[in-house]
Amino acid sequence: FTQLAIFSSEYKRPENAVELLELVKSLAQTRQAASPHMSYLGPMPAFIERVKDRYRYQLQICSGNRKVLNDLLQHVIQELPGKAIARRTRWSLEVDGHE
């Protein structure tokens, strides 16, 4: 069974939305270097990529272990507010969510 987390970002320029998710991915990979429990898909355009002149992108993080995923997400969420790109880009996180 796999646990899933989806980080979503949106901004007026697609490169800013992607930049935030690249930062999230980097923070996550640094925390869980070469973990066999984790896999990453993205950043990639959301199913509906553009809404009201804002570009939407997603990063999916999958884990076979719920505790490992939750610890990782906790770390990333604590680090993001200190980053300038996270303050200017609208972002959200869904854990085991569906879109």
N, C-alpha and C. Protein backbone atom coordinates (compact mmCIF):
# COMPACT_ATOMS: atom_id res chain seq x y z
N PHE A 1 0.85 -1.18 0.00
CA PHE A 1 0.00 0.00 0.00
C PHE A 1 0.89 1.23 0.00
N THR A 2 0.52 2.26 -0.76
CA THR A 2 1.35 3.45 -0.89
C THR A 2 0.63 4.67 -0.35
N GLN A 3 1.37 5.51 0.35
CA GLN A 3 0.87 6.79 0.85
C GLN A 3 1.26 7.86 -0.17
N LEU A 4 0.38 8.83 -0.38
CA LEU A 4 0.60 9.83 -1.41
C LEU A 4 0.42 11.23 -0.83
N ALA A 5 1.33 12.12 -1.20
CA ALA A 5 1.21 13.54 -0.86
C ALA A 5 1.37 14.32 -2.16
N ILE A 6 0.56 15.36 -2.31
CA ILE A 6 0.63 16.20 -3.51
C ILE A 6 0.83 17.65 -3.09
N PHE A 7 1.98 18.21 -3.47
CA PHE A 7 2.21 19.64 -3.32
C PHE A 7 1.74 20.29 -4.60
N SER A 8 0.94 21.34 -4.48
CA SER A 8 0.48 22.11 -5.63
C SER A 8 0.97 23.54 -5.48
N SER A 9 1.30 24.15 -6.60
CA SER A 9 1.70 25.56 -6.57
C SER A 9 1.06 26.26 -7.76
N GLU A 10 0.84 27.56 -7.59
CA GLU A 10 0.32 28.35 -8.70
C GLU A 10 0.88 29.76 -8.64
N TYR A 11 1.13 30.28 -9.83
CA TYR A 11 1.69 31.62 -9.95
C TYR A 11 1.40 32.14 -11.35
N LYS A 12 1.55 33.43 -11.55
CA LYS A 12 1.28 34.03 -12.86
C LYS A 12 2.27 33.59 -13.92
N ARG A 13 3.47 33.22 -13.50
CA ARG A 13 4.48 32.71 -14.44
C ARG A 13 4.76 31.25 -14.09
N PRO A 14 4.73 30.38 -15.08
CA PRO A 14 4.91 28.95 -14.79
C PRO A 14 6.26 28.63 -14.16
N GLU A 15 7.31 29.38 -14.52
CA GLU A 15 8.63 29.06 -13.97
C GLU A 15 8.69 29.27 -12.46
N ASN A 16 7.90 30.22 -11.93
CA ASN A 16 7.87 30.41 -10.48
C ASN A 16 7.15 29.26 -9.77
N ALA A 17 6.08 28.78 -10.37
CA ALA A 17 5.36 27.65 -9.79
C ALA A 17 6.25 26.40 -9.77
N VAL A 18 7.00 26.20 -10.85
CA VAL A 18 7.91 25.06 -10.93
C VAL A 18 9.07 25.23 -9.94
N GLU A 19 9.58 26.46 -9.82
CA GLU A 19 10.71 26.72 -8.91
C GLU A 19 10.37 26.33 -7.47
N LEU A 20 9.16 26.66 -7.02
CA LEU A 20 8.76 26.30 -5.67
C LEU A 20 8.76 24.78 -5.49
N LEU A 21 8.21 24.06 -6.46
CA LEU A 21 8.14 22.61 -6.34
C LEU A 21 9.52 21.96 -6.43
N GLU A 22 10.41 22.55 -7.21
CA GLU A 22 11.80 22.06 -7.25
C GLU A 22 12.46 22.24 -5.88
N LEU A 23 12.15 23.35 -5.22
CA LEU A 23 12.66 23.58 -3.86
C LEU A 23 12.11 22.53 -2.90
N VAL A 24 10.81 22.27 -2.97
CA VAL A 24 10.19 21.25 -2.11
C VAL A 24 10.86 19.90 -2.35
N LYS A 25 11.05 19.55 -3.61
CA LYS A 25 11.67 18.26 -3.96
C LYS A 25 13.10 18.19 -3.42
N SER A 26 13.84 19.28 -3.56
CA SER A 26 15.21 19.34 -3.05
C SER A 26 15.26 19.18 -1.53
N LEU A 27 14.37 19.90 -0.83
CA LEU A 27 14.31 19.78 0.63
C LEU A 27 13.98 18.35 1.05
N ALA A 28 13.04 17.74 0.33
CA ALA A 28 12.62 16.38 0.66
C ALA A 28 13.74 15.38 0.39
N GLN A 29 14.39 15.51 -0.75
CA GLN A 29 15.45 14.57 -1.10
C GLN A 29 16.67 14.72 -0.19
N THR A 30 16.94 15.93 0.24
CA THR A 30 18.05 16.14 1.18
C THR A 30 17.75 15.46 2.51
N ARG A 31 16.49 15.54 2.92
CA ARG A 31 16.08 14.94 4.20
C ARG A 31 16.09 13.42 4.13
N GLN A 32 15.62 12.87 3.04
CA GLN A 32 15.50 11.42 2.88
C GLN A 32 16.38 10.94 1.74
N ALA A 33 17.67 11.22 1.81
CA ALA A 33 18.59 10.87 0.74
C ALA A 33 18.55 9.38 0.44
N ALA A 34 18.28 9.07 -0.81
CA ALA A 34 18.31 7.69 -1.32
C ALA A 34 17.45 6.72 -0.51
N SER A 35 16.32 7.17 -0.05
CA SER A 35 15.43 6.30 0.71
C SER A 35 14.64 5.40 -0.25
N PRO A 36 14.63 4.10 -0.01
CA PRO A 36 13.86 3.21 -0.87
C PRO A 36 12.35 3.38 -0.66
N HIS A 37 11.96 4.09 0.39
CA HIS A 37 10.55 4.27 0.69
C HIS A 37 9.92 5.42 -0.08
N MET A 38 10.73 6.25 -0.74
CA MET A 38 10.20 7.48 -1.34
C MET A 38 10.36 7.46 -2.86
N SER A 39 9.36 8.03 -3.54
CA SER A 39 9.49 8.29 -4.97
C SER A 39 8.82 9.62 -5.28
N TYR A 40 9.32 10.29 -6.30
CA TYR A 40 8.86 11.64 -6.64
C TYR A 40 8.42 11.66 -8.10
N LEU A 41 7.33 12.34 -8.37
CA LEU A 41 6.85 12.52 -9.73
C LEU A 41 6.57 14.00 -9.93
N GLY A 42 7.35 14.63 -10.77
CA GLY A 42 7.16 16.05 -11.02
C GLY A 42 8.38 16.84 -10.63
N PRO A 43 8.23 18.14 -10.69
CA PRO A 43 7.04 18.95 -10.94
C PRO A 43 6.50 18.72 -12.35
N MET A 44 5.20 18.77 -12.44
CA MET A 44 4.49 18.59 -13.70
C MET A 44 3.26 19.48 -13.70
N PRO A 45 2.76 19.83 -14.89
CA PRO A 45 1.55 20.65 -14.94
C PRO A 45 0.38 19.92 -14.28
N ALA A 46 -0.46 20.69 -13.61
CA ALA A 46 -1.68 20.11 -13.02
C ALA A 46 -2.61 19.69 -14.16
N PHE A 47 -3.60 18.89 -13.83
CA PHE A 47 -4.54 18.41 -14.83
C PHE A 47 -5.15 19.58 -15.60
N ILE A 48 -5.56 20.62 -14.89
CA ILE A 48 -5.98 21.87 -15.52
C ILE A 48 -4.85 22.86 -15.24
N GLU A 49 -4.03 23.09 -16.25
CA GLU A 49 -2.77 23.81 -16.02
C GLU A 49 -2.95 25.30 -15.75
N ARG A 50 -3.91 25.93 -16.39
CA ARG A 50 -4.04 27.39 -16.24
C ARG A 50 -5.47 27.74 -15.86
N VAL A 51 -5.61 28.50 -14.77
CA VAL A 51 -6.91 28.96 -14.31
C VAL A 51 -6.77 30.44 -13.95
N LYS A 52 -7.58 31.28 -14.57
CA LYS A 52 -7.58 32.72 -14.28
C LYS A 52 -6.17 33.31 -14.32
N ASP A 53 -5.47 33.08 -15.41
CA ASP A 53 -4.13 33.62 -15.64
C ASP A 53 -3.10 33.18 -14.60
N ARG A 54 -3.32 32.05 -13.96
CA ARG A 54 -2.35 31.50 -13.01
C ARG A 54 -2.03 30.07 -13.46
N TYR A 55 -0.75 29.77 -13.49
CA TYR A 55 -0.29 28.44 -13.89
C TYR A 55 -0.19 27.54 -12.67
N ARG A 56 -0.66 26.32 -12.83
CA ARG A 56 -0.71 25.37 -11.72
C ARG A 56 0.18 24.16 -12.02
N TYR A 57 0.99 23.80 -11.04
CA TYR A 57 1.89 22.65 -11.17
C TYR A 57 1.79 21.80 -9.91
N GLN A 58 2.21 20.53 -10.04
CA GLN A 58 2.13 19.61 -8.91
C GLN A 58 3.41 18.78 -8.78
N LEU A 59 3.66 18.37 -7.56
CA LEU A 59 4.72 17.42 -7.24
C LEU A 59 4.09 16.32 -6.39
N GLN A 60 4.19 15.08 -6.85
CA GLN A 60 3.66 13.95 -6.08
C GLN A 60 4.81 13.25 -5.37
N ILE A 61 4.58 12.97 -4.11
CA ILE A 61 5.56 12.23 -3.31
C ILE A 61 4.86 10.97 -2.80
N CYS A 62 5.44 9.82 -3.13
CA CYS A 62 4.86 8.53 -2.72
C CYS A 62 5.81 7.85 -1.73
N SER A 63 5.21 7.17 -0.78
CA SER A 63 6.00 6.45 0.21
C SER A 63 5.27 5.17 0.61
N GLY A 64 6.04 4.15 0.88
CA GLY A 64 5.47 2.91 1.38
C GLY A 64 5.28 2.94 2.89
N ASN A 65 5.75 4.01 3.52
CA ASN A 65 5.71 4.11 4.97
C ASN A 65 5.09 5.45 5.37
N ARG A 66 3.95 5.42 6.01
CA ARG A 66 3.24 6.64 6.39
C ARG A 66 4.06 7.52 7.35
N LYS A 67 4.72 6.92 8.32
CA LYS A 67 5.50 7.70 9.28
C LYS A 67 6.65 8.43 8.60
N VAL A 68 7.35 7.74 7.70
CA VAL A 68 8.45 8.37 6.97
C VAL A 68 7.93 9.55 6.15
N LEU A 69 6.80 9.37 5.48
CA LEU A 69 6.22 10.45 4.69
C LEU A 69 5.81 11.62 5.58
N ASN A 70 5.15 11.35 6.68
CA ASN A 70 4.72 12.43 7.58
C ASN A 70 5.90 13.19 8.16
N ASP A 71 6.96 12.50 8.54
CA ASP A 71 8.16 13.17 9.05
C ASP A 71 8.77 14.06 7.98
N LEU A 72 8.82 13.56 6.77
CA LEU A 72 9.37 14.32 5.65
C LEU A 72 8.54 15.58 5.39
N LEU A 73 7.23 15.44 5.35
CA LEU A 73 6.35 16.58 5.10
C LEU A 73 6.46 17.62 6.21
N GLN A 74 6.56 17.16 7.42
CA GLN A 74 6.73 18.07 8.57
C GLN A 74 7.99 18.92 8.38
N HIS A 75 9.07 18.28 7.99
CA HIS A 75 10.34 18.98 7.77
C HIS A 75 10.19 20.03 6.66
N VAL A 76 9.61 19.63 5.54
CA VAL A 76 9.46 20.54 4.40
C VAL A 76 8.58 21.73 4.78
N ILE A 77 7.48 21.48 5.45
CA ILE A 77 6.56 22.56 5.83
C ILE A 77 7.22 23.54 6.80
N GLN A 78 8.09 23.06 7.66
CA GLN A 78 8.80 23.95 8.58
C GLN A 78 9.84 24.80 7.86
N GLU A 79 10.43 24.28 6.79
CA GLU A 79 11.46 25.00 6.05
C GLU A 79 10.89 26.02 5.07
N LEU A 80 9.74 25.77 4.49
CA LEU A 80 9.20 26.62 3.43
C LEU A 80 8.97 28.08 3.80
N PRO A 81 8.40 28.40 4.95
CA PRO A 81 8.12 29.82 5.24
C PRO A 81 9.36 30.72 5.22
N GLY A 82 10.53 30.18 5.42
CA GLY A 82 11.75 30.97 5.39
C GLY A 82 12.28 31.24 3.99
N LYS A 83 11.65 30.68 2.98
CA LYS A 83 12.11 30.82 1.60
C LYS A 83 11.26 31.87 0.88
N ALA A 84 11.93 32.78 0.17
CA ALA A 84 11.23 33.88 -0.52
C ALA A 84 10.22 33.37 -1.54
N ILE A 85 10.58 32.36 -2.30
CA ILE A 85 9.67 31.85 -3.34
C ILE A 85 8.39 31.31 -2.72
N ALA A 86 8.46 30.75 -1.54
CA ALA A 86 7.27 30.20 -0.87
C ALA A 86 6.34 31.30 -0.38
N ARG A 87 6.90 32.47 -0.10
CA ARG A 87 6.07 33.58 0.36
C ARG A 87 5.34 34.25 -0.80
N ARG A 88 5.90 34.17 -2.03
CA ARG A 88 5.25 34.82 -3.17
C ARG A 88 4.38 33.88 -4.00
N THR A 89 4.49 32.60 -3.79
CA THR A 89 3.77 31.63 -4.61
C THR A 89 2.67 30.98 -3.78
N ARG A 90 1.50 30.87 -4.35
CA ARG A 90 0.40 30.18 -3.66
C ARG A 90 0.67 28.68 -3.73
N TRP A 91 0.62 28.00 -2.58
CA TRP A 91 0.88 26.57 -2.57
C TRP A 91 -0.04 25.87 -1.58
N SER A 92 -0.19 24.57 -1.78
CA SER A 92 -1.00 23.76 -0.87
C SER A 92 -0.44 22.35 -0.84
N LEU A 93 -0.89 21.60 0.15
CA LEU A 93 -0.45 20.22 0.33
C LEU A 93 -1.67 19.36 0.63
N GLU A 94 -1.78 18.25 -0.09
CA GLU A 94 -2.82 17.24 0.17
C GLU A 94 -2.11 15.94 0.52
N VAL A 95 -2.55 15.31 1.57
CA VAL A 95 -2.00 14.01 1.95
C VAL A 95 -3.08 12.97 1.73
N ASP A 96 -2.75 11.97 0.91
CA ASP A 96 -3.72 10.95 0.50
C ASP A 96 -4.98 11.59 -0.06
N GLY A 97 -4.81 12.67 -0.79
CA GLY A 97 -5.94 13.37 -1.39
C GLY A 97 -6.22 12.90 -2.80
N HIS A 98 -7.31 13.35 -3.33
CA HIS A 98 -7.71 13.01 -4.69
C HIS A 98 -8.13 14.30 -5.38
N GLU A 99 -7.74 14.43 -6.64
CA GLU A 99 -8.17 15.61 -7.40
C GLU A 99 -8.97 15.15 -8.58
